[in-house]
Amino acid sequence: MKQYIEGALIANAASLGYHLINDRVLLKELQEEGSLLFQTPDKAVFDRASKAFFRYPYAKVGDLSFQGEILHWLYEAISKGKEISRTEYMEMIYQQIKPGGPYKGWVDSFGRKLIINFLLPTVGNPFPPISQTDKQLVGFVPYLVCKELNKPNDYAWYLAQAFTDDADYNQFFRAFDQLFIKLKTKSLRQSLEEVISITPYHIQEAIKKGLEYASADEYLANYAGTEAFLPEAVPLIFHILYHTSSFEEAINYNILLGGSSADRALMIGAIYAQIAPIPTAWRKKVKWLANYRVE
């Protein structure tokens, strides 16, 4: 599980301390005070921000965001040898996050809707289920698991449709496939440039500008955003990858940009793990990974 999942989860855990702080001035000040990596979410810090959402009050160093946990749960389920159905994927998440379930962290909107849809039949509600269609980066979770376990993109897209009907995800699966292939023989920058034409056409301009703009503030003001929604987040992921040169630099820069940094970090970490070493000490901080032998 080292090829994609390890990098994704380590990056996710490293970013959780300041996940959902939308105040880049404050984040720069915090960096001057000490490392931004592997920090415990602190309400006092979030209260200092001009805009922030304190969603993980019980998190400790090494914990994952909700989407990071879904990646962990899905990998655990499929790595045991059985391909699960879309319904089983949703049931798996529900069993973790349902009232009284083992998961105690923040649940994103698609997860809250999932809980409602599972509970509606138990109270005899005659209304149809709430739509769970979403553009959050959770659509990439099945893709990363399938890459790790050598499963086809068709299966990744089938599972991703538990929470989205946006075909842009399927196209990005193909683009990232090509990126991973190119990284075997080409630089990260060249590889990113060469896969833009494979990405959804209506997002290509934002991605191109992300490679051109070294200034994040100017780029974010005109072409991207820091939320975890596909049209904003993926161009920003390209920008971060293009303007950094190491795993640590990429994750640190990602946190500095603010917003949904831990969720963006899943793809950033999976990609950087192909070309750059992950600091050894980082792996030991992620409790779940400590159960796995490094090969």
C-alpha atoms as a PDB file:
ATOM      1  CA  MET A   1       0.000   0.000   0.000  1.00  0.00           C
ATOM      2  CA  LYS A   2       3.001   2.256  -0.335  1.00  0.00           C
ATOM      3  CA  GLN A   3       2.587   3.452  -3.911  1.00  0.00           C
ATOM      4  CA  TYR A   4      -0.366   5.848  -3.617  1.00  0.00           C
ATOM      5  CA  ILE A   5      -2.275   5.416  -0.351  1.00  0.00           C
ATOM      6  CA  GLU A   6       0.640   5.971   1.990  1.00  0.00           C
ATOM      7  CA  GLY A   7       1.614   9.297   0.424  1.00  0.00           C
ATOM      8  CA  ALA A   8      -2.013  10.408   0.350  1.00  0.00           C
ATOM      9  CA  LEU A   9      -2.720   9.633   4.006  1.00  0.00           C
ATOM     10  CA  ILE A  10       0.555  11.020   5.317  1.00  0.00           C
ATOM     11  CA  ALA A  11      -0.065  14.284   3.467  1.00  0.00           C
ATOM     12  CA  ASN A  12      -3.646  14.378   4.722  1.00  0.00           C
ATOM     13  CA  ALA A  13      -2.616  13.888   8.356  1.00  0.00           C
ATOM     14  CA  ALA A  14       0.199  16.425   8.052  1.00  0.00           C
ATOM     15  CA  SER A  15      -2.319  19.063   6.901  1.00  0.00           C
ATOM     16  CA  LEU A  16      -5.155  18.510   9.368  1.00  0.00           C
ATOM     17  CA  GLY A  17      -4.043  20.986  12.051  1.00  0.00           C
ATOM     18  CA  TYR A  18      -4.955  24.034   9.956  1.00  0.00           C
ATOM     19  CA  HIS A  19      -7.515  22.419   7.635  1.00  0.00           C
ATOM     20  CA  LEU A  20     -10.379  24.854   6.855  1.00  0.00           C
ATOM     21  CA  ILE A  21      -8.589  28.025   7.953  1.00  0.00           C
ATOM     22  CA  ASN A  22      -9.267  30.544   5.176  1.00  0.00           C
ATOM     23  CA  ASP A  23      -6.858  33.235   6.289  1.00  0.00           C
ATOM     24  CA  ARG A  24      -3.521  33.186   4.452  1.00  0.00           C
ATOM     25  CA  VAL A  25      -2.175  36.136   6.450  1.00  0.00           C
ATOM     26  CA  LEU A  26      -2.674  34.222   9.703  1.00  0.00           C
ATOM     27  CA  LEU A  27      -1.205  31.049   8.226  1.00  0.00           C
ATOM     28  CA  LYS A  28       1.941  32.937   7.218  1.00  0.00           C
ATOM     29  CA  GLU A  29       2.201  34.307  10.770  1.00  0.00           C
ATOM     30  CA  LEU A  30       1.829  30.807  12.185  1.00  0.00           C
ATOM     31  CA  GLN A  31       4.576  29.547   9.908  1.00  0.00           C
ATOM     32  CA  GLU A  32       6.911  32.204  11.301  1.00  0.00           C
ATOM     33  CA  GLU A  33       6.133  30.892  14.798  1.00  0.00           C
ATOM     34  CA  GLY A  34       6.834  27.242  13.931  1.00  0.00           C
ATOM     35  CA  SER A  35       6.039  24.342  11.637  1.00  0.00           C
ATOM     36  CA  LEU A  36       2.557  24.043  10.123  1.00  0.00           C
ATOM     37  CA  LEU A  37       2.920  20.288   9.710  1.00  0.00           C
ATOM     38  CA  PHE A  38       1.359  17.675  11.998  1.00  0.00           C
ATOM     39  CA  GLN A  39      -0.306  20.110  14.358  1.00  0.00           C
ATOM     40  CA  THR A  40      -3.287  19.510  16.650  1.00  0.00           C
ATOM     41  CA  PRO A  41      -6.315  21.636  15.661  1.00  0.00           C
ATOM     42  CA  ASP A  42      -6.538  24.425  18.253  1.00  0.00           C
ATOM     43  CA  LYS A  43      -9.748  26.432  18.626  1.00  0.00           C
ATOM     44  CA  ALA A  44      -7.821  29.442  19.890  1.00  0.00           C
ATOM     45  CA  VAL A  45      -5.921  29.544  16.605  1.00  0.00           C
ATOM     46  CA  PHE A  46      -9.087  29.146  14.532  1.00  0.00           C
ATOM     47  CA  ASP A  47     -10.707  31.976  16.485  1.00  0.00           C
ATOM     48  CA  ARG A  48      -7.891  34.280  15.357  1.00  0.00           C
ATOM     49  CA  ALA A  49      -8.722  33.699  11.683  1.00  0.00           C
ATOM     50  CA  SER A  50     -10.816  36.090   9.619  1.00  0.00           C
ATOM     51  CA  LYS A  51     -12.639  32.997   8.302  1.00  0.00           C
ATOM     52  CA  ALA A  52     -12.292  29.451   9.564  1.00  0.00           C
ATOM     53  CA  PHE A  53     -14.304  26.356  10.430  1.00  0.00           C
ATOM     54  CA  PHE A  54     -13.214  24.437  13.513  1.00  0.00           C
ATOM     55  CA  ARG A  55     -14.445  20.958  12.553  1.00  0.00           C
ATOM     56  CA  TYR A  56     -12.063  18.580  14.327  1.00  0.00           C
ATOM     57  CA  PRO A  57     -12.027  19.465  18.043  1.00  0.00           C
ATOM     58  CA  TYR A  58     -11.074  15.927  19.106  1.00  0.00           C
ATOM     59  CA  ALA A  59      -8.332  15.343  16.523  1.00  0.00           C
ATOM     60  CA  LYS A  60      -4.803  14.471  17.556  1.00  0.00           C
ATOM     61  CA  VAL A  61      -1.551  14.535  15.648  1.00  0.00           C
ATOM     62  CA  GLY A  62      -1.642  11.767  13.041  1.00  0.00           C
ATOM     63  CA  ASP A  63      -5.429  11.747  12.624  1.00  0.00           C
ATOM     64  CA  LEU A  64      -7.111  12.058   9.236  1.00  0.00           C
ATOM     65  CA  SER A  65      -9.808  14.275   7.782  1.00  0.00           C
ATOM     66  CA  PHE A  66     -13.198  12.704   7.020  1.00  0.00           C
ATOM     67  CA  GLN A  67     -12.213  12.130   3.392  1.00  0.00           C
ATOM     68  CA  GLY A  68      -8.887  10.710   4.519  1.00  0.00           C
ATOM     69  CA  GLU A  69     -10.765   8.250   6.736  1.00  0.00           C
ATOM     70  CA  ILE A  70     -12.976   7.206   3.808  1.00  0.00           C
ATOM     71  CA  LEU A  71      -9.831   6.473   1.792  1.00  0.00           C
ATOM     72  CA  HIS A  72      -8.539   4.375   4.694  1.00  0.00           C
ATOM     73  CA  TRP A  73     -11.870   2.497   5.086  1.00  0.00           C
ATOM     74  CA  LEU A  74     -12.266   1.799   1.369  1.00  0.00           C
ATOM     75  CA  TYR A  75      -8.694   0.601   0.981  1.00  0.00           C
ATOM     76  CA  GLU A  76      -9.113  -1.729   3.963  1.00  0.00           C
ATOM     77  CA  ALA A  77     -12.343  -3.131   2.495  1.00  0.00           C
ATOM     78  CA  ILE A  78     -11.123  -3.792  -1.044  1.00  0.00           C
ATOM     79  CA  SER A  79      -7.582  -4.868  -0.156  1.00  0.00           C
ATOM     80  CA  LYS A  80      -9.068  -7.952   1.480  1.00  0.00           C
ATOM     81  CA  GLY A  81      -9.724  -9.301  -2.023  1.00  0.00           C
ATOM     82  CA  LYS A  82     -13.412  -8.611  -2.655  1.00  0.00           C
ATOM     83  CA  GLU A  83     -14.726  -5.843  -4.864  1.00  0.00           C
ATOM     84  CA  ILE A  84     -17.587  -4.191  -3.045  1.00  0.00           C
ATOM     85  CA  SER A  85     -20.685  -2.729  -4.664  1.00  0.00           C
ATOM     86  CA  ARG A  86     -21.618   0.930  -4.622  1.00  0.00           C
ATOM     87  CA  THR A  87     -24.318   0.144  -2.081  1.00  0.00           C
ATOM     88  CA  GLU A  88     -21.785  -1.674   0.093  1.00  0.00           C
ATOM     89  CA  TYR A  89     -19.454   1.338  -0.184  1.00  0.00           C
ATOM     90  CA  MET A  90     -22.168   3.622   1.160  1.00  0.00           C
ATOM     91  CA  GLU A  91     -23.143   1.084   3.822  1.00  0.00           C
ATOM     92  CA  MET A  92     -19.500   0.843   4.909  1.00  0.00           C
ATOM     93  CA  ILE A  93     -19.315   4.609   5.435  1.00  0.00           C
ATOM     94  CA  TYR A  94     -22.703   4.698   7.165  1.00  0.00           C
ATOM     95  CA  GLN A  95     -21.682   2.033   9.666  1.00  0.00           C
ATOM     96  CA  GLN A  96     -18.711   4.206  10.666  1.00  0.00           C
ATOM     97  CA  ILE A  97     -20.527   7.556  10.928  1.00  0.00           C
ATOM     98  CA  LYS A  98     -24.044   6.605  12.036  1.00  0.00           C
ATOM     99  CA  PRO A  99     -25.274   7.839  15.435  1.00  0.00           C
ATOM    100  CA  GLY A 100     -23.379   5.769  17.981  1.00  0.00           C
ATOM    101  CA  GLY A 101     -20.883   4.584  15.360  1.00  0.00           C
ATOM    102  CA  PRO A 102     -17.126   4.401  15.932  1.00  0.00           C
ATOM    103  CA  TYR A 103     -16.177   7.518  13.947  1.00  0.00           C
ATOM    104  CA  LYS A 104     -16.218  10.663  16.107  1.00  0.00           C
ATOM    105  CA  GLY A 105     -14.931  13.334  13.712  1.00  0.00           C
ATOM    106  CA  TRP A 106     -16.472  15.872  11.358  1.00  0.00           C
ATOM    107  CA  VAL A 107     -18.779  14.563   8.622  1.00  0.00           C
ATOM    108  CA  ASP A 108     -18.933  16.446   5.306  1.00  0.00           C
ATOM    109  CA  SER A 109     -22.292  17.325   3.755  1.00  0.00           C
ATOM    110  CA  PHE A 110     -22.461  14.252   1.521  1.00  0.00           C
ATOM    111  CA  GLY A 111     -21.945  12.084   4.611  1.00  0.00           C
ATOM    112  CA  ARG A 112     -24.689  13.835   6.557  1.00  0.00           C
ATOM    113  CA  LYS A 113     -27.071  13.286   3.647  1.00  0.00           C
ATOM    114  CA  LEU A 114     -26.035   9.635   3.602  1.00  0.00           C
ATOM    115  CA  ILE A 115     -27.005   9.284   7.262  1.00  0.00           C
ATOM    116  CA  ILE A 116     -30.407  10.845   6.588  1.00  0.00           C
ATOM    117  CA  ASN A 117     -31.068   8.562   3.627  1.00  0.00           C
ATOM    118  CA  PHE A 118     -30.217   5.458   5.653  1.00  0.00           C
ATOM    119  CA  LEU A 119     -32.409   6.561   8.546  1.00  0.00           C
ATOM    120  CA  LEU A 120     -35.464   7.693   6.547  1.00  0.00           C
ATOM    121  CA  PRO A 121     -36.841   4.173   5.955  1.00  0.00           C
ATOM    122  CA  THR A 122     -36.564   3.372   9.659  1.00  0.00           C
ATOM    123  CA  VAL A 123     -39.109   6.085  10.521  1.00  0.00           C
ATOM    124  CA  GLY A 124     -41.506   5.309   7.690  1.00  0.00           C
ATOM    125  CA  ASN A 125     -40.717   8.493   5.779  1.00  0.00           C
ATOM    126  CA  PRO A 126     -42.580   8.407   2.423  1.00  0.00           C
ATOM    127  CA  PHE A 127     -40.374  10.997   0.700  1.00  0.00           C
ATOM    128  CA  PRO A 128     -37.616  10.095  -1.791  1.00  0.00           C
ATOM    129  CA  PRO A 129     -33.962  10.085  -0.653  1.00  0.00           C
ATOM    130  CA  ILE A 130     -31.994  13.341  -0.586  1.00  0.00           C
ATOM    131  CA  SER A 131     -29.625  13.754  -3.519  1.00  0.00           C
ATOM    132  CA  GLN A 132     -26.029  13.035  -2.466  1.00  0.00           C
ATOM    133  CA  THR A 133     -24.542  14.405  -5.684  1.00  0.00           C
ATOM    134  CA  ASP A 134     -21.477  16.397  -4.768  1.00  0.00           C
ATOM    135  CA  LYS A 135     -18.380  17.974  -6.340  1.00  0.00           C
ATOM    136  CA  GLN A 136     -16.124  17.511  -3.322  1.00  0.00           C
ATOM    137  CA  LEU A 137     -12.821  15.714  -3.752  1.00  0.00           C
ATOM    138  CA  VAL A 138     -14.231  12.506  -2.266  1.00  0.00           C
ATOM    139  CA  GLY A 139     -14.763  11.465  -5.896  1.00  0.00           C
ATOM    140  CA  PHE A 140     -11.019  10.784  -6.096  1.00  0.00           C
ATOM    141  CA  VAL A 141     -11.030   8.358  -3.151  1.00  0.00           C
ATOM    142  CA  PRO A 142     -12.077   5.293  -5.213  1.00  0.00           C
ATOM    143  CA  TYR A 143      -9.583   6.277  -7.899  1.00  0.00           C
ATOM    144  CA  LEU A 144      -6.633   6.234  -5.482  1.00  0.00           C
ATOM    145  CA  VAL A 145      -7.723   2.899  -4.010  1.00  0.00           C
ATOM    146  CA  CYS A 146      -8.091   1.394  -7.479  1.00  0.00           C
ATOM    147  CA  LYS A 147      -4.665   2.677  -8.516  1.00  0.00           C
ATOM    148  CA  GLU A 148      -3.132   1.094  -5.423  1.00  0.00           C
ATOM    149  CA  LEU A 149      -4.871  -2.239  -5.979  1.00  0.00           C
ATOM    150  CA  ASN A 150      -4.612  -2.309  -9.790  1.00  0.00           C
ATOM    151  CA  LYS A 151      -8.351  -2.061 -10.343  1.00  0.00           C
ATOM    152  CA  PRO A 152      -9.776  -0.458 -13.525  1.00  0.00           C
ATOM    153  CA  ASN A 153     -10.998   3.125 -13.719  1.00  0.00           C
ATOM    154  CA  ASP A 154     -14.443   1.866 -14.657  1.00  0.00           C
ATOM    155  CA  TYR A 155     -14.727   0.397 -11.180  1.00  0.00           C
ATOM    156  CA  ALA A 156     -13.385   3.593  -9.592  1.00  0.00           C
ATOM    157  CA  TRP A 157     -15.993   5.640 -11.455  1.00  0.00           C
ATOM    158  CA  TYR A 158     -18.720   3.172 -10.490  1.00  0.00           C
ATOM    159  CA  LEU A 159     -17.894   3.690  -6.792  1.00  0.00           C
ATOM    160  CA  ALA A 160     -17.353   7.437  -7.159  1.00  0.00           C
ATOM    161  CA  GLN A 161     -20.945   7.765  -8.366  1.00  0.00           C
ATOM    162  CA  ALA A 162     -22.093   7.027  -4.829  1.00  0.00           C
ATOM    163  CA  PHE A 163     -21.558  10.759  -4.274  1.00  0.00           C
ATOM    164  CA  THR A 164     -21.299  12.401  -7.684  1.00  0.00           C
ATOM    165  CA  ASP A 165     -22.666  12.304 -11.211  1.00  0.00           C
ATOM    166  CA  ASP A 166     -20.027  14.703 -12.537  1.00  0.00           C
ATOM    167  CA  ALA A 167     -18.255  12.990 -15.451  1.00  0.00           C
ATOM    168  CA  ASP A 168     -15.316  15.374 -15.012  1.00  0.00           C
ATOM    169  CA  TYR A 169     -14.051  12.978 -12.363  1.00  0.00           C
ATOM    170  CA  ASN A 170     -13.843  10.147 -14.877  1.00  0.00           C
ATOM    171  CA  GLN A 171     -11.908  12.383 -17.265  1.00  0.00           C
ATOM    172  CA  PHE A 172      -9.539  13.426 -14.498  1.00  0.00           C
ATOM    173  CA  PHE A 173      -8.963   9.735 -13.717  1.00  0.00           C
ATOM    174  CA  ARG A 174      -7.626   9.337 -17.262  1.00  0.00           C
ATOM    175  CA  ALA A 175      -5.552  12.517 -16.993  1.00  0.00           C
ATOM    176  CA  PHE A 176      -3.951  11.415 -13.725  1.00  0.00           C
ATOM    177  CA  ASP A 177      -3.304   7.971 -15.231  1.00  0.00           C
ATOM    178  CA  GLN A 178      -1.255   9.660 -17.936  1.00  0.00           C
ATOM    179  CA  LEU A 179       0.478  11.845 -15.364  1.00  0.00           C
ATOM    180  CA  PHE A 180       1.610   8.793 -13.407  1.00  0.00           C
ATOM    181  CA  ILE A 181       2.932   7.192 -16.608  1.00  0.00           C
ATOM    182  CA  LYS A 182       4.812  10.325 -17.684  1.00  0.00           C
ATOM    183  CA  LEU A 183       6.384  10.744 -14.249  1.00  0.00           C
ATOM    184  CA  LYS A 184       8.365   7.554 -14.848  1.00  0.00           C
ATOM    185  CA  THR A 185      10.479   9.280 -17.499  1.00  0.00           C
ATOM    186  CA  LYS A 186       9.777  13.021 -17.283  1.00  0.00           C
ATOM    187  CA  SER A 187       9.889  15.820 -14.736  1.00  0.00           C
ATOM    188  CA  LEU A 188       6.835  16.744 -12.721  1.00  0.00           C
ATOM    189  CA  ARG A 189       6.557  20.110 -14.455  1.00  0.00           C
ATOM    190  CA  GLN A 190       6.763  18.640 -17.943  1.00  0.00           C
ATOM    191  CA  SER A 191       4.304  15.902 -17.056  1.00  0.00           C
ATOM    192  CA  LEU A 192       1.776  18.387 -15.699  1.00  0.00           C
ATOM    193  CA  GLU A 193       2.065  20.517 -18.834  1.00  0.00           C
ATOM    194  CA  GLU A 194       1.525  17.534 -21.089  1.00  0.00           C
ATOM    195  CA  VAL A 195      -1.653  16.239 -19.438  1.00  0.00           C
ATOM    196  CA  ILE A 196      -3.594  19.513 -19.432  1.00  0.00           C
ATOM    197  CA  SER A 197      -5.125  18.687 -22.820  1.00  0.00           C
ATOM    198  CA  ILE A 198      -6.623  15.512 -21.345  1.00  0.00           C
ATOM    199  CA  THR A 199      -8.415  17.322 -18.511  1.00  0.00           C
ATOM    200  CA  PRO A 200     -12.013  18.601 -18.882  1.00  0.00           C
ATOM    201  CA  TYR A 201     -11.959  21.405 -21.451  1.00  0.00           C
ATOM    202  CA  HIS A 202     -13.854  23.922 -19.327  1.00  0.00           C
ATOM    203  CA  ILE A 203     -11.242  23.658 -16.545  1.00  0.00           C
ATOM    204  CA  GLN A 204      -8.136  23.756 -18.761  1.00  0.00           C
ATOM    205  CA  GLU A 205      -7.739  27.543 -18.717  1.00  0.00           C
ATOM    206  CA  ALA A 206      -7.723  27.613 -14.904  1.00  0.00           C
ATOM    207  CA  ILE A 207      -5.130  24.831 -14.843  1.00  0.00           C
ATOM    208  CA  LYS A 208      -2.903  26.573 -17.405  1.00  0.00           C
ATOM    209  CA  LYS A 209      -3.008  29.808 -15.431  1.00  0.00           C
ATOM    210  CA  GLY A 210      -2.069  27.879 -12.297  1.00  0.00           C
ATOM    211  CA  LEU A 211       1.174  26.850 -13.956  1.00  0.00           C
ATOM    212  CA  GLU A 212       1.845  30.385 -15.190  1.00  0.00           C
ATOM    213  CA  TYR A 213       1.155  32.236 -11.940  1.00  0.00           C
ATOM    214  CA  ALA A 214       3.821  31.898  -9.268  1.00  0.00           C
ATOM    215  CA  SER A 215       1.820  34.271  -7.062  1.00  0.00           C
ATOM    216  CA  ALA A 216      -0.858  32.273  -5.293  1.00  0.00           C
ATOM    217  CA  ASP A 217      -2.790  35.342  -4.175  1.00  0.00           C
ATOM    218  CA  GLU A 218      -3.204  36.637  -7.726  1.00  0.00           C
ATOM    219  CA  TYR A 219      -4.028  33.188  -9.057  1.00  0.00           C
ATOM    220  CA  LEU A 220      -6.647  32.481  -6.391  1.00  0.00           C
ATOM    221  CA  ALA A 221      -8.255  35.861  -6.924  1.00  0.00           C
ATOM    222  CA  ASN A 222      -8.863  35.154 -10.609  1.00  0.00           C
ATOM    223  CA  TYR A 223      -8.825  31.460 -11.464  1.00  0.00           C
ATOM    224  CA  ALA A 224      -9.179  29.059  -8.529  1.00  0.00           C
ATOM    225  CA  GLY A 225     -10.317  28.705  -4.936  1.00  0.00           C
ATOM    226  CA  THR A 226      -9.422  26.961  -1.724  1.00  0.00           C
ATOM    227  CA  GLU A 227     -12.611  24.959  -1.175  1.00  0.00           C
ATOM    228  CA  ALA A 228     -12.713  21.201  -1.781  1.00  0.00           C
ATOM    229  CA  PHE A 229     -14.846  21.441  -4.906  1.00  0.00           C
ATOM    230  CA  LEU A 230     -13.602  19.950  -8.166  1.00  0.00           C
ATOM    231  CA  PRO A 231     -13.506  23.030 -10.476  1.00  0.00           C
ATOM    232  CA  GLU A 232     -11.572  25.073  -7.882  1.00  0.00           C
ATOM    233  CA  ALA A 233      -9.490  22.458  -6.103  1.00  0.00           C
ATOM    234  CA  VAL A 234      -7.962  20.548  -9.005  1.00  0.00           C
ATOM    235  CA  PRO A 235      -6.461  23.627 -10.697  1.00  0.00           C
ATOM    236  CA  LEU A 236      -5.009  24.589  -7.324  1.00  0.00           C
ATOM    237  CA  ILE A 237      -3.550  21.089  -6.919  1.00  0.00           C
ATOM    238  CA  PHE A 238      -1.825  21.495 -10.308  1.00  0.00           C
ATOM    239  CA  HIS A 239      -0.509  24.903  -9.196  1.00  0.00           C
ATOM    240  CA  ILE A 240       0.921  23.490  -5.964  1.00  0.00           C
ATOM    241  CA  LEU A 241       2.566  20.551  -7.721  1.00  0.00           C
ATOM    242  CA  TYR A 242       4.082  22.778 -10.400  1.00  0.00           C
ATOM    243  CA  HIS A 243       5.571  25.350  -8.053  1.00  0.00           C
ATOM    244  CA  THR A 244       7.165  23.021  -5.488  1.00  0.00           C
ATOM    245  CA  SER A 245      10.086  20.605  -5.653  1.00  0.00           C
ATOM    246  CA  SER A 246       9.747  18.255  -2.672  1.00  0.00           C
ATOM    247  CA  PHE A 247       7.089  16.369  -0.752  1.00  0.00           C
ATOM    248  CA  GLU A 248       7.559  18.557   2.327  1.00  0.00           C
ATOM    249  CA  GLU A 249       7.543  21.824   0.364  1.00  0.00           C
ATOM    250  CA  ALA A 250       4.352  20.827  -1.451  1.00  0.00           C
ATOM    251  CA  ILE A 251       2.441  19.958   1.718  1.00  0.00           C
ATOM    252  CA  ASN A 252       3.640  23.064   3.518  1.00  0.00           C
ATOM    253  CA  TYR A 253       2.665  25.305   0.579  1.00  0.00           C
ATOM    254  CA  ASN A 254      -0.704  23.572   0.379  1.00  0.00           C
ATOM    255  CA  ILE A 255      -1.413  24.394   4.038  1.00  0.00           C
ATOM    256  CA  LEU A 256      -0.330  28.013   3.553  1.00  0.00           C
ATOM    257  CA  LEU A 257      -2.954  28.462   0.828  1.00  0.00           C
ATOM    258  CA  GLY A 258      -5.699  27.682   3.335  1.00  0.00           C
ATOM    259  CA  GLY A 259      -9.157  26.214   2.954  1.00  0.00           C
ATOM    260  CA  SER A 260      -9.625  22.478   2.466  1.00  0.00           C
ATOM    261  CA  SER A 261      -5.916  21.736   2.642  1.00  0.00           C
ATOM    262  CA  ALA A 262      -6.155  18.234   4.129  1.00  0.00           C
ATOM    263  CA  ASP A 263      -8.492  17.037   1.378  1.00  0.00           C
ATOM    264  CA  ARG A 264      -6.357  18.543  -1.408  1.00  0.00           C
ATOM    265  CA  ALA A 265      -3.368  16.870   0.234  1.00  0.00           C
ATOM    266  CA  LEU A 266      -4.695  13.406  -0.632  1.00  0.00           C
ATOM    267  CA  MET A 267      -3.997  13.845  -4.350  1.00  0.00           C
ATOM    268  CA  ILE A 268      -0.879  15.956  -3.779  1.00  0.00           C
ATOM    269  CA  GLY A 269       0.627  13.312  -1.508  1.00  0.00           C
ATOM    270  CA  ALA A 270      -0.243  10.435  -3.834  1.00  0.00           C
ATOM    271  CA  ILE A 271       1.417  12.193  -6.769  1.00  0.00           C
ATOM    272  CA  TYR A 272       4.536  13.368  -4.929  1.00  0.00           C
ATOM    273  CA  ALA A 273       5.049   9.897  -3.516  1.00  0.00           C
ATOM    274  CA  GLN A 274       5.865   8.755  -7.060  1.00  0.00           C
ATOM    275  CA  ILE A 275       8.855  11.071  -7.431  1.00  0.00           C
ATOM    276  CA  ALA A 276      10.099  12.241  -4.037  1.00  0.00           C
ATOM    277  CA  PRO A 277      10.890  10.568  -0.719  1.00  0.00           C
ATOM    278  CA  ILE A 278       8.471  10.987   2.160  1.00  0.00           C
ATOM    279  CA  PRO A 279      10.289  12.031   5.341  1.00  0.00           C
ATOM    280  CA  THR A 280      10.704   8.850   7.405  1.00  0.00           C
ATOM    281  CA  ALA A 281       9.580  10.525  10.616  1.00  0.00           C
ATOM    282  CA  TRP A 282       6.265  11.496   9.014  1.00  0.00           C
ATOM    283  CA  ARG A 283       5.160   7.915   8.529  1.00  0.00           C
ATOM    284  CA  LYS A 284       5.501   7.210  12.245  1.00  0.00           C
ATOM    285  CA  LYS A 285       3.096  10.040  13.067  1.00  0.00           C
ATOM    286  CA  VAL A 286       0.145   8.450  11.222  1.00  0.00           C
ATOM    287  CA  LYS A 287      -1.168   5.835  13.635  1.00  0.00           C
ATOM    288  CA  TRP A 288      -2.991   3.720  11.072  1.00  0.00           C
ATOM    289  CA  LEU A 289       0.114   3.384   8.896  1.00  0.00           C
ATOM    290  CA  ALA A 290       2.162   2.192  11.862  1.00  0.00           C
ATOM    291  CA  ASN A 291       0.337  -1.144  11.575  1.00  0.00           C
ATOM    292  CA  TYR A 292       1.898  -1.799   8.162  1.00  0.00           C
ATOM    293  CA  ARG A 293       5.408  -3.032   7.480  1.00  0.00           C
ATOM    294  CA  VAL A 294       7.485  -0.813   5.207  1.00  0.00           C
ATOM    295  CA  GLU A 295       8.608  -2.932   2.243  1.00  0.00           C
END
